[in-house]
Amino acid sequence: MLEHLQKAKQLLWAFVEIGFLTVLSVILIYLLLGAKSGVFVTGVAQNVIAFAGAVPEQSLVGLAIVLAIVFLVARRMR
């Protein structure tokens, strides 16, 4: 049973990574081509910009602190 859960976890993380890389690729295309990059690319870029603008600065600082702590703990565990 634990083997199946581990396999499912790996599969879900693979999908998350693929989705994240897809969004990053679309943003890169938008940065390279600008407004002429197409409807889909422009729509994704506008959604990312709107989401980033809606997140309060305090949340970003808190997230950065948590990520720094996780990074430091992970380095210490090696």
C-alpha atoms as a PDB file:
ATOM      1  CA  MET A   1       0.000   0.000   0.000  1.00  0.00           C
ATOM      2  CA  LEU A   2       2.792   2.436   0.854  1.00  0.00           C
ATOM      3  CA  GLU A   3       4.427   1.670  -2.476  1.00  0.00           C
ATOM      4  CA  HIS A   4       1.291   2.819  -4.297  1.00  0.00           C
ATOM      5  CA  LEU A   5       1.145   6.021  -2.263  1.00  0.00           C
ATOM      6  CA  GLN A   6       4.807   6.729  -2.999  1.00  0.00           C
ATOM      7  CA  LYS A   7       4.233   6.147  -6.714  1.00  0.00           C
ATOM      8  CA  ALA A   8       1.157   8.430  -6.667  1.00  0.00           C
ATOM      9  CA  LYS A   9       3.157  11.119  -4.859  1.00  0.00           C
ATOM     10  CA  GLN A  10       5.915  10.955  -7.469  1.00  0.00           C
ATOM     11  CA  LEU A  11       3.375  11.127 -10.281  1.00  0.00           C
ATOM     12  CA  LEU A  12       1.597  14.145  -8.775  1.00  0.00           C
ATOM     13  CA  TRP A  13       4.899  15.991  -8.276  1.00  0.00           C
ATOM     14  CA  ALA A  14       5.783  15.284 -11.906  1.00  0.00           C
ATOM     15  CA  PHE A  15       2.494  16.903 -12.994  1.00  0.00           C
ATOM     16  CA  VAL A  16       3.128  19.901 -10.743  1.00  0.00           C
ATOM     17  CA  GLU A  17       6.616  20.346 -12.212  1.00  0.00           C
ATOM     18  CA  ILE A  18       5.309  20.062 -15.765  1.00  0.00           C
ATOM     19  CA  GLY A  19       2.609  22.663 -15.062  1.00  0.00           C
ATOM     20  CA  PHE A  20       5.076  25.035 -13.435  1.00  0.00           C
ATOM     21  CA  LEU A  21       7.525  24.701 -16.320  1.00  0.00           C
ATOM     22  CA  THR A  22       4.704  25.277 -18.792  1.00  0.00           C
ATOM     23  CA  VAL A  23       3.692  28.536 -17.105  1.00  0.00           C
ATOM     24  CA  LEU A  24       7.331  29.654 -16.954  1.00  0.00           C
ATOM     25  CA  SER A  25       7.775  28.846 -20.646  1.00  0.00           C
ATOM     26  CA  VAL A  26       4.662  30.835 -21.582  1.00  0.00           C
ATOM     27  CA  ILE A  27       5.888  33.812 -19.536  1.00  0.00           C
ATOM     28  CA  LEU A  28       9.284  33.602 -21.266  1.00  0.00           C
ATOM     29  CA  ILE A  29       7.578  33.593 -24.664  1.00  0.00           C
ATOM     30  CA  TYR A  30       5.554  36.641 -23.602  1.00  0.00           C
ATOM     31  CA  LEU A  31       8.707  38.441 -22.465  1.00  0.00           C
ATOM     32  CA  LEU A  32      10.433  37.683 -25.768  1.00  0.00           C
ATOM     33  CA  LEU A  33       7.574  38.434 -28.159  1.00  0.00           C
ATOM     34  CA  GLY A  34       5.496  40.939 -26.199  1.00  0.00           C
ATOM     35  CA  ALA A  35       1.891  41.681 -27.114  1.00  0.00           C
ATOM     36  CA  LYS A  36       2.274  39.929 -30.490  1.00  0.00           C
ATOM     37  CA  SER A  37       2.833  36.550 -28.829  1.00  0.00           C
ATOM     38  CA  GLY A  38      -0.763  35.411 -29.263  1.00  0.00           C
ATOM     39  CA  VAL A  39      -4.040  35.334 -27.408  1.00  0.00           C
ATOM     40  CA  PHE A  40      -3.231  32.338 -25.201  1.00  0.00           C
ATOM     41  CA  VAL A  41       0.209  33.579 -24.158  1.00  0.00           C
ATOM     42  CA  THR A  42      -1.081  37.084 -23.505  1.00  0.00           C
ATOM     43  CA  GLY A  43      -3.995  35.724 -21.463  1.00  0.00           C
ATOM     44  CA  VAL A  44      -1.718  33.573 -19.307  1.00  0.00           C
ATOM     45  CA  ALA A  45       0.677  36.482 -18.796  1.00  0.00           C
ATOM     46  CA  GLN A  46      -2.163  38.798 -17.781  1.00  0.00           C
ATOM     47  CA  ASN A  47      -3.458  36.215 -15.301  1.00  0.00           C
ATOM     48  CA  VAL A  48      -0.003  35.780 -13.755  1.00  0.00           C
ATOM     49  CA  ILE A  49       0.457  39.558 -13.510  1.00  0.00           C
ATOM     50  CA  ALA A  50      -2.994  39.970 -11.928  1.00  0.00           C
ATOM     51  CA  PHE A  51      -2.288  37.182  -9.414  1.00  0.00           C
ATOM     52  CA  ALA A  52       1.112  38.634  -8.508  1.00  0.00           C
ATOM     53  CA  GLY A  53      -0.426  42.069  -8.067  1.00  0.00           C
ATOM     54  CA  ALA A  54      -3.179  40.762  -5.795  1.00  0.00           C
ATOM     55  CA  VAL A  55      -0.798  39.077  -3.325  1.00  0.00           C
ATOM     56  CA  PRO A  56       0.010  41.390  -0.395  1.00  0.00           C
ATOM     57  CA  GLU A  57       3.656  42.199   0.300  1.00  0.00           C
ATOM     58  CA  GLN A  58       3.430  40.722   3.798  1.00  0.00           C
ATOM     59  CA  SER A  59       2.514  37.356   2.328  1.00  0.00           C
ATOM     60  CA  LEU A  60       5.498  37.459  -0.010  1.00  0.00           C
ATOM     61  CA  VAL A  61       7.844  38.303   2.863  1.00  0.00           C
ATOM     62  CA  GLY A  62       6.377  35.484   4.958  1.00  0.00           C
ATOM     63  CA  LEU A  63       6.727  33.029   2.097  1.00  0.00           C
ATOM     64  CA  ALA A  64      10.342  34.089   1.534  1.00  0.00           C
ATOM     65  CA  ILE A  65      11.127  33.561   5.224  1.00  0.00           C
ATOM     66  CA  VAL A  66       9.531  30.109   5.248  1.00  0.00           C
ATOM     67  CA  LEU A  67      11.404  29.095   2.081  1.00  0.00           C
ATOM     68  CA  ALA A  68      14.692  30.351   3.552  1.00  0.00           C
ATOM     69  CA  ILE A  69      14.123  28.316   6.715  1.00  0.00           C
ATOM     70  CA  VAL A  70      13.292  25.196   4.704  1.00  0.00           C
ATOM     71  CA  PHE A  71      16.407  25.707   2.577  1.00  0.00           C
ATOM     72  CA  LEU A  72      18.642  26.145   5.624  1.00  0.00           C
ATOM     73  CA  VAL A  73      17.200  23.104   7.386  1.00  0.00           C
ATOM     74  CA  ALA A  74      17.573  20.992   4.243  1.00  0.00           C
ATOM     75  CA  ARG A  75      21.231  22.019   3.892  1.00  0.00           C
ATOM     76  CA  ARG A  76      21.901  21.230   7.552  1.00  0.00           C
ATOM     77  CA  MET A  77      20.324  17.762   7.213  1.00  0.00           C
ATOM     78  CA  ARG A  78      22.852  16.683   4.546  1.00  0.00           C
END
